[in-house]
Amino acid sequence: MDHARTILRQRLRRRHRVRRHIRGTAERPRLSIFRTHKHIYAQVIDDSTGRTLASASSMDKEIRGSVGFGGNKQAAEAIGRAVAERAKAAGVQHVCFDRGEFRYHGRVAALADAARAAGLEF
């Protein structure tokens, strides 16, 4: 049990360390990523008003049907494309990328690359 608390404490410290430098505004909202073993989630957030402008996850019905399992790089790419399309529909072109406590590697990097390819700039 003590090991699990240590891991959680380390993850929270990393998350706060990253968030200390990243702040979403109305002109440049924050693209926040969260991943679990089975799913991946992305939100475009305006921190000045506290509103989510666009979101996508591997649990969305239209994405879940085409992807199947949500815990791989193909699912992350689909989420990146979907969140970029939804953000552009909401009028967002530029975002700042918030990787949270996760390394910029694997699924997180695949999601970011797919969002860039779909037209988001960061």
C-alpha atoms as a PDB file:
ATOM      1  CA  MET A   1       0.000   0.000   0.000  1.00  0.00           C
ATOM      2  CA  ASP A   2       2.860   2.344   0.757  1.00  0.00           C
ATOM      3  CA  HIS A   3       4.290   1.849  -2.745  1.00  0.00           C
ATOM      4  CA  ALA A   4       0.973   2.800  -4.349  1.00  0.00           C
ATOM      5  CA  ARG A   5       0.845   6.026  -2.340  1.00  0.00           C
ATOM      6  CA  THR A   6       4.381   6.864  -3.407  1.00  0.00           C
ATOM      7  CA  ILE A   7       3.516   6.331  -7.068  1.00  0.00           C
ATOM      8  CA  LEU A   8       0.389   8.482  -6.764  1.00  0.00           C
ATOM      9  CA  ARG A   9       2.322  11.225  -4.978  1.00  0.00           C
ATOM     10  CA  GLN A  10       4.962  11.228  -7.746  1.00  0.00           C
ATOM     11  CA  ARG A  11       2.300  11.453 -10.455  1.00  0.00           C
ATOM     12  CA  LEU A  12       0.610  14.389  -8.729  1.00  0.00           C
ATOM     13  CA  ARG A  13       3.931  16.199  -8.344  1.00  0.00           C
ATOM     14  CA  ARG A  14       4.705  15.751 -12.043  1.00  0.00           C
ATOM     15  CA  ARG A  15       1.221  16.962 -13.008  1.00  0.00           C
ATOM     16  CA  HIS A  16       1.514  20.114 -10.909  1.00  0.00           C
ATOM     17  CA  ARG A  17       5.034  20.764 -12.159  1.00  0.00           C
ATOM     18  CA  VAL A  18       3.818  20.720 -15.766  1.00  0.00           C
ATOM     19  CA  ARG A  19       0.667  22.743 -15.008  1.00  0.00           C
ATOM     20  CA  ARG A  20       2.699  25.437 -13.235  1.00  0.00           C
ATOM     21  CA  HIS A  21       4.011  26.530 -16.646  1.00  0.00           C
ATOM     22  CA  ILE A  22       0.920  25.943 -18.808  1.00  0.00           C
ATOM     23  CA  ARG A  23      -2.201  28.083 -18.664  1.00  0.00           C
ATOM     24  CA  GLY A  24      -5.002  28.066 -21.221  1.00  0.00           C
ATOM     25  CA  THR A  25      -6.488  31.381 -22.347  1.00  0.00           C
ATOM     26  CA  ALA A  26      -9.366  32.289 -24.620  1.00  0.00           C
ATOM     27  CA  GLU A  27      -6.938  32.933 -27.510  1.00  0.00           C
ATOM     28  CA  ARG A  28      -4.831  29.842 -26.799  1.00  0.00           C
ATOM     29  CA  PRO A  29      -6.679  27.182 -24.761  1.00  0.00           C
ATOM     30  CA  ARG A  30      -5.009  24.166 -23.203  1.00  0.00           C
ATOM     31  CA  LEU A  31      -5.129  20.727 -24.854  1.00  0.00           C
ATOM     32  CA  SER A  32      -5.137  18.407 -21.842  1.00  0.00           C
ATOM     33  CA  ILE A  33      -4.406  14.683 -22.148  1.00  0.00           C
ATOM     34  CA  PHE A  34      -5.310  11.915 -19.727  1.00  0.00           C
ATOM     35  CA  ARG A  35      -4.680   8.239 -20.329  1.00  0.00           C
ATOM     36  CA  THR A  36      -5.427   5.001 -18.564  1.00  0.00           C
ATOM     37  CA  HIS A  37      -4.512   1.479 -19.550  1.00  0.00           C
ATOM     38  CA  LYS A  38      -7.764   1.031 -21.467  1.00  0.00           C
ATOM     39  CA  HIS A  39      -8.659   4.538 -22.681  1.00  0.00           C
ATOM     40  CA  ILE A  40      -7.305   7.956 -23.613  1.00  0.00           C
ATOM     41  CA  TYR A  41      -9.045  11.314 -23.217  1.00  0.00           C
ATOM     42  CA  ALA A  42      -8.360  14.791 -24.628  1.00  0.00           C
ATOM     43  CA  GLN A  43      -9.968  18.138 -23.778  1.00  0.00           C
ATOM     44  CA  VAL A  44      -9.482  21.670 -25.049  1.00  0.00           C
ATOM     45  CA  ILE A  45      -9.959  23.887 -21.981  1.00  0.00           C
ATOM     46  CA  ASP A  46     -10.189  27.657 -21.551  1.00  0.00           C
ATOM     47  CA  ASP A  47      -8.786  28.120 -18.039  1.00  0.00           C
ATOM     48  CA  SER A  48      -9.830  31.775 -17.782  1.00  0.00           C
ATOM     49  CA  THR A  49     -13.518  30.785 -17.820  1.00  0.00           C
ATOM     50  CA  GLY A  50     -13.152  27.154 -16.752  1.00  0.00           C
ATOM     51  CA  ARG A  51     -15.004  25.872 -19.839  1.00  0.00           C
ATOM     52  CA  THR A  52     -14.267  22.819 -21.940  1.00  0.00           C
ATOM     53  CA  LEU A  53     -14.451  23.907 -25.575  1.00  0.00           C
ATOM     54  CA  ALA A  54     -13.972  20.499 -27.217  1.00  0.00           C
ATOM     55  CA  SER A  55     -13.343  16.965 -26.073  1.00  0.00           C
ATOM     56  CA  ALA A  56     -12.846  13.457 -27.411  1.00  0.00           C
ATOM     57  CA  SER A  57     -12.177  10.109 -25.826  1.00  0.00           C
ATOM     58  CA  SER A  58     -11.862   6.473 -26.768  1.00  0.00           C
ATOM     59  CA  MET A  59     -15.212   5.954 -25.044  1.00  0.00           C
ATOM     60  CA  ASP A  60     -17.140   8.091 -27.575  1.00  0.00           C
ATOM     61  CA  LYS A  61     -19.561   5.908 -29.511  1.00  0.00           C
ATOM     62  CA  GLU A  62     -18.458   6.952 -33.002  1.00  0.00           C
ATOM     63  CA  ILE A  63     -14.774   6.476 -32.158  1.00  0.00           C
ATOM     64  CA  ARG A  64     -15.193   3.301 -30.090  1.00  0.00           C
ATOM     65  CA  GLY A  65     -16.787   1.484 -33.013  1.00  0.00           C
ATOM     66  CA  SER A  66     -13.953   2.238 -35.416  1.00  0.00           C
ATOM     67  CA  VAL A  67     -11.080   1.759 -32.967  1.00  0.00           C
ATOM     68  CA  GLY A  68     -12.060  -1.218 -30.849  1.00  0.00           C
ATOM     69  CA  PHE A  69      -9.540  -1.193 -28.000  1.00  0.00           C
ATOM     70  CA  GLY A  70      -8.849   2.298 -26.682  1.00  0.00           C
ATOM     71  CA  GLY A  71      -5.464   1.690 -25.105  1.00  0.00           C
ATOM     72  CA  ASN A  72      -3.223   1.667 -28.173  1.00  0.00           C
ATOM     73  CA  LYS A  73      -1.571   4.165 -30.524  1.00  0.00           C
ATOM     74  CA  GLN A  74      -4.218   3.772 -33.239  1.00  0.00           C
ATOM     75  CA  ALA A  75      -6.884   4.877 -30.768  1.00  0.00           C
ATOM     76  CA  ALA A  76      -4.706   7.806 -29.684  1.00  0.00           C
ATOM     77  CA  GLU A  77      -4.352   8.921 -33.308  1.00  0.00           C
ATOM     78  CA  ALA A  78      -8.116   8.731 -33.804  1.00  0.00           C
ATOM     79  CA  ILE A  79      -8.673  10.806 -30.638  1.00  0.00           C
ATOM     80  CA  GLY A  80      -6.113  13.373 -31.819  1.00  0.00           C
ATOM     81  CA  ARG A  81      -7.885  13.784 -35.155  1.00  0.00           C
ATOM     82  CA  ALA A  82     -11.307  13.968 -33.491  1.00  0.00           C
ATOM     83  CA  VAL A  83     -10.336  16.563 -30.884  1.00  0.00           C
ATOM     84  CA  ALA A  84      -8.646  18.687 -33.569  1.00  0.00           C
ATOM     85  CA  GLU A  85     -11.766  18.634 -35.759  1.00  0.00           C
ATOM     86  CA  ARG A  86     -14.022  19.481 -32.813  1.00  0.00           C
ATOM     87  CA  ALA A  87     -11.710  22.276 -31.656  1.00  0.00           C
ATOM     88  CA  LYS A  88     -11.603  23.790 -35.138  1.00  0.00           C
ATOM     89  CA  ALA A  89     -15.409  23.607 -35.264  1.00  0.00           C
ATOM     90  CA  ALA A  90     -15.449  25.547 -31.970  1.00  0.00           C
ATOM     91  CA  GLY A  91     -13.195  28.204 -33.494  1.00  0.00           C
ATOM     92  CA  VAL A  92      -9.906  27.154 -31.893  1.00  0.00           C
ATOM     93  CA  GLN A  93      -6.777  27.081 -34.063  1.00  0.00           C
ATOM     94  CA  HIS A  94      -3.891  27.475 -31.565  1.00  0.00           C
ATOM     95  CA  VAL A  95      -3.565  25.482 -28.329  1.00  0.00           C
ATOM     96  CA  CYS A  96      -0.915  24.839 -25.704  1.00  0.00           C
ATOM     97  CA  PHE A  97      -0.230  21.156 -25.063  1.00  0.00           C
ATOM     98  CA  ASP A  98      -0.641  19.829 -21.517  1.00  0.00           C
ATOM     99  CA  ARG A  99       0.784  16.311 -21.246  1.00  0.00           C
ATOM    100  CA  GLY A 100      -0.077  16.135 -17.552  1.00  0.00           C
ATOM    101  CA  GLU A 101       1.991  13.621 -15.639  1.00  0.00           C
ATOM    102  CA  PHE A 102       2.622  11.497 -18.725  1.00  0.00           C
ATOM    103  CA  ARG A 103       5.805  11.422 -20.798  1.00  0.00           C
ATOM    104  CA  TYR A 104       5.686  12.777 -24.327  1.00  0.00           C
ATOM    105  CA  HIS A 105       6.076   9.276 -25.716  1.00  0.00           C
ATOM    106  CA  GLY A 106       3.940   6.536 -27.223  1.00  0.00           C
ATOM    107  CA  ARG A 107       0.205   7.228 -27.084  1.00  0.00           C
ATOM    108  CA  VAL A 108       0.604  10.823 -25.900  1.00  0.00           C
ATOM    109  CA  ALA A 109       2.986  11.649 -28.762  1.00  0.00           C
ATOM    110  CA  ALA A 110       0.730   9.841 -31.265  1.00  0.00           C
ATOM    111  CA  LEU A 111      -2.266  11.896 -30.140  1.00  0.00           C
ATOM    112  CA  ALA A 112      -0.287  15.142 -30.382  1.00  0.00           C
ATOM    113  CA  ASP A 113       1.068  14.322 -33.850  1.00  0.00           C
ATOM    114  CA  ALA A 114      -2.401  13.411 -35.131  1.00  0.00           C
ATOM    115  CA  ALA A 115      -3.862  16.643 -33.744  1.00  0.00           C
ATOM    116  CA  ARG A 116      -1.114  18.629 -35.470  1.00  0.00           C
ATOM    117  CA  ALA A 117      -1.718  16.788 -38.734  1.00  0.00           C
ATOM    118  CA  ALA A 118      -5.446  17.571 -38.463  1.00  0.00           C
ATOM    119  CA  GLY A 119      -4.770  21.296 -38.212  1.00  0.00           C
ATOM    120  CA  LEU A 120      -4.218  22.287 -34.573  1.00  0.00           C
ATOM    121  CA  GLU A 121      -1.124  24.423 -34.026  1.00  0.00           C
ATOM    122  CA  PHE A 122       1.073  24.003 -30.938  1.00  0.00           C
END
